[in-house]
C-alpha atoms as a PDB file:
ATOM      1  CA  UNK A   1      58.208  58.211  47.492  1.00  0.00           C
ATOM      2  CA  UNK A   2      56.826  61.492  48.116  1.00  0.00           C
ATOM      3  CA  UNK A   3      55.661  62.796  51.156  1.00  0.00           C
ATOM      4  CA  UNK A   4      51.653  62.748  51.832  1.00  0.00           C
ATOM      5  CA  UNK A   5      50.461  66.256  52.579  1.00  0.00           C
ATOM      6  CA  UNK A   6      47.773  66.455  54.317  1.00  0.00           C
ATOM      7  CA  UNK A   7      46.218  70.414  56.033  1.00  0.00           C
ATOM      8  CA  UNK A   8      49.505  70.404  58.160  1.00  0.00           C
ATOM      9  CA  UNK A   9      51.883  70.054  55.699  1.00  0.00           C
ATOM     10  CA  UNK A  10      54.035  67.440  54.074  1.00  0.00           C
ATOM     11  CA  UNK A  11      54.620  64.165  56.027  1.00  0.00           C
ATOM     12  CA  UNK A  12      58.676  63.009  56.086  1.00  0.00           C
ATOM     13  CA  UNK A  13      58.301  60.388  59.056  1.00  0.00           C
ATOM     14  CA  UNK A  14      58.740  56.594  58.952  1.00  0.00           C
ATOM     15  CA  UNK A  15      56.353  54.235  60.542  1.00  0.00           C
ATOM     16  CA  UNK A  16      59.275  53.741  63.277  1.00  0.00           C
ATOM     17  CA  UNK A  17      61.919  55.243  64.396  1.00  0.00           C
ATOM     18  CA  UNK A  18      64.421  52.294  64.228  1.00  0.00           C
ATOM     19  CA  UNK A  19      63.124  52.338  60.426  1.00  0.00           C
ATOM     20  CA  UNK A  20      64.244  55.584  59.876  1.00  0.00           C
ATOM     21  CA  UNK A  21      67.531  55.413  61.597  1.00  0.00           C
ATOM     22  CA  UNK A  22      68.068  52.334  59.356  1.00  0.00           C
ATOM     23  CA  UNK A  23      66.909  54.790  56.218  1.00  0.00           C
ATOM     24  CA  UNK A  24      69.574  57.026  57.190  1.00  0.00           C
ATOM     25  CA  UNK A  25      72.539  55.032  58.040  1.00  0.00           C
ATOM     26  CA  UNK A  26      71.870  53.266  54.275  1.00  0.00           C
ATOM     27  CA  UNK A  27      71.147  56.629  52.925  1.00  0.00           C
ATOM     28  CA  UNK A  28      74.332  58.826  54.581  1.00  0.00           C
ATOM     29  CA  UNK A  29      76.532  55.752  53.825  1.00  0.00           C
ATOM     30  CA  UNK A  30      75.946  55.276  50.294  1.00  0.00           C
ATOM     31  CA  UNK A  31      76.563  59.187  49.973  1.00  0.00           C
ATOM     32  CA  UNK A  32      79.558  59.088  51.963  1.00  0.00           C
ATOM     33  CA  UNK A  33      80.604  55.757  50.118  1.00  0.00           C
ATOM     34  CA  UNK A  34      80.120  57.039  46.808  1.00  0.00           C
ATOM     35  CA  UNK A  35      82.728  59.880  47.408  1.00  0.00           C
ATOM     36  CA  UNK A  36      84.878  58.105  49.325  1.00  0.00           C
ATOM     37  CA  UNK A  37      85.408  55.440  47.413  1.00  0.00           C
ATOM     38  CA  UNK A  38      85.956  57.352  44.214  1.00  0.00           C
ATOM     39  CA  UNK A  39      89.838  57.723  43.935  1.00  0.00           C
ATOM     40  CA  UNK A  40      89.510  53.566  44.606  1.00  0.00           C
ATOM     41  CA  UNK A  41      87.210  52.387  42.266  1.00  0.00           C
ATOM     42  CA  UNK A  42      86.700  55.326  39.783  1.00  0.00           C
ATOM     43  CA  UNK A  43      83.290  56.630  38.226  1.00  0.00           C
ATOM     44  CA  UNK A  44      81.955  53.003  39.518  1.00  0.00           C
ATOM     45  CA  UNK A  45      81.472  54.338  42.903  1.00  0.00           C
ATOM     46  CA  UNK A  46      78.792  57.048  41.903  1.00  0.00           C
ATOM     47  CA  UNK A  47      76.576  54.175  41.624  1.00  0.00           C
ATOM     48  CA  UNK A  48      75.451  54.177  44.977  1.00  0.00           C
ATOM     49  CA  UNK A  49      74.663  57.926  45.034  1.00  0.00           C
ATOM     50  CA  UNK A  50      71.037  56.909  43.554  1.00  0.00           C
ATOM     51  CA  UNK A  51      70.949  53.969  46.662  1.00  0.00           C
ATOM     52  CA  UNK A  52      71.805  57.697  49.172  1.00  0.00           C
ATOM     53  CA  UNK A  53      69.333  60.177  47.854  1.00  0.00           C
ATOM     54  CA  UNK A  54      66.531  57.304  47.322  1.00  0.00           C
ATOM     55  CA  UNK A  55      66.936  55.829  50.929  1.00  0.00           C
ATOM     56  CA  UNK A  56      67.059  59.506  52.097  1.00  0.00           C
ATOM     57  CA  UNK A  57      63.698  60.382  50.212  1.00  0.00           C
ATOM     58  CA  UNK A  58      65.506  62.945  48.117  1.00  0.00           C
ATOM     59  CA  UNK A  59      67.730  64.974  50.402  1.00  0.00           C
ATOM     60  CA  UNK A  60      69.007  65.005  53.785  1.00  0.00           C
ATOM     61  CA  UNK A  61      67.432  67.764  55.034  1.00  0.00           C
ATOM     62  CA  UNK A  62      63.984  65.887  54.312  1.00  0.00           C
ATOM     63  CA  UNK A  63      65.264  62.817  56.384  1.00  0.00           C
ATOM     64  CA  UNK A  64      66.292  64.901  59.135  1.00  0.00           C
ATOM     65  CA  UNK A  65      62.653  66.487  59.459  1.00  0.00           C
ATOM     66  CA  UNK A  66      61.637  63.086  59.068  1.00  0.00           C
ATOM     67  CA  UNK A  67      63.352  62.171  61.961  1.00  0.00           C
ATOM     68  CA  UNK A  68      61.902  65.281  63.946  1.00  0.00           C
ATOM     69  CA  UNK A  69      58.282  64.063  62.877  1.00  0.00           C
ATOM     70  CA  UNK A  70      58.958  60.571  63.576  1.00  0.00           C
ATOM     71  CA  UNK A  71      60.263  61.233  67.054  1.00  0.00           C
ATOM     72  CA  UNK A  72      57.331  63.832  68.112  1.00  0.00           C
ATOM     73  CA  UNK A  73      54.493  61.593  66.283  1.00  0.00           C
ATOM     74  CA  UNK A  74      51.564  61.172  68.817  1.00  0.00           C
ATOM     75  CA  UNK A  75      53.283  63.562  71.569  1.00  0.00           C
ATOM     76  CA  UNK A  76      53.180  67.145  70.358  1.00  0.00           C
ATOM     77  CA  UNK A  77      49.672  68.577  68.987  1.00  0.00           C
ATOM     78  CA  UNK A  78      49.571  72.125  67.058  1.00  0.00           C
ATOM     79  CA  UNK A  79      46.319  73.868  67.695  1.00  0.00           C
ATOM     80  CA  UNK A  80      45.459  77.194  66.194  1.00  0.00           C
ATOM     81  CA  UNK A  81      42.214  79.429  67.180  1.00  0.00           C
ATOM     82  CA  UNK A  82      42.226  82.852  66.603  1.00  0.00           C
ATOM     83  CA  UNK A  83      45.147  83.755  64.596  1.00  0.00           C
ATOM     84  CA  UNK A  84      47.348  82.098  66.751  1.00  0.00           C
ATOM     85  CA  UNK A  85      48.922  78.833  66.886  1.00  0.00           C
ATOM     86  CA  UNK A  86      50.457  76.605  69.846  1.00  0.00           C
ATOM     87  CA  UNK A  87      51.797  73.579  70.424  1.00  0.00           C
ATOM     88  CA  UNK A  88      51.317  71.384  73.360  1.00  0.00           C
ATOM     89  CA  UNK A  89      51.963  67.943  74.284  1.00  0.00           C
ATOM     90  CA  UNK A  90      49.312  64.991  74.204  1.00  0.00           C
ATOM     91  CA  UNK A  91      51.001  62.738  76.714  1.00  0.00           C
ATOM     92  CA  UNK A  92      51.815  60.424  74.019  1.00  0.00           C
ATOM     93  CA  UNK A  93      53.969  57.088  74.886  1.00  0.00           C
ATOM     94  CA  UNK A  94      57.516  56.776  74.509  1.00  0.00           C
END
């Protein structure tokens, strides 16, 4: 899945925090299991790598950025005026 791009840059966030955490559990679990099970199942365990990469939408860093975006969505607002950008809270809900 390709992240949407807008005026503020790429968006890696999920629709909800629980959904994002489940994606991380599946993604990191797949990557770790693929390597941990290698001595037991041999190259067959490497079939879990694409599952992990797909769940993380390509890379662990993209998932981490998406986690921060998901948490801050609706709470932080960036505005730029006269070449200066500021980050303010909008009083969003928790």
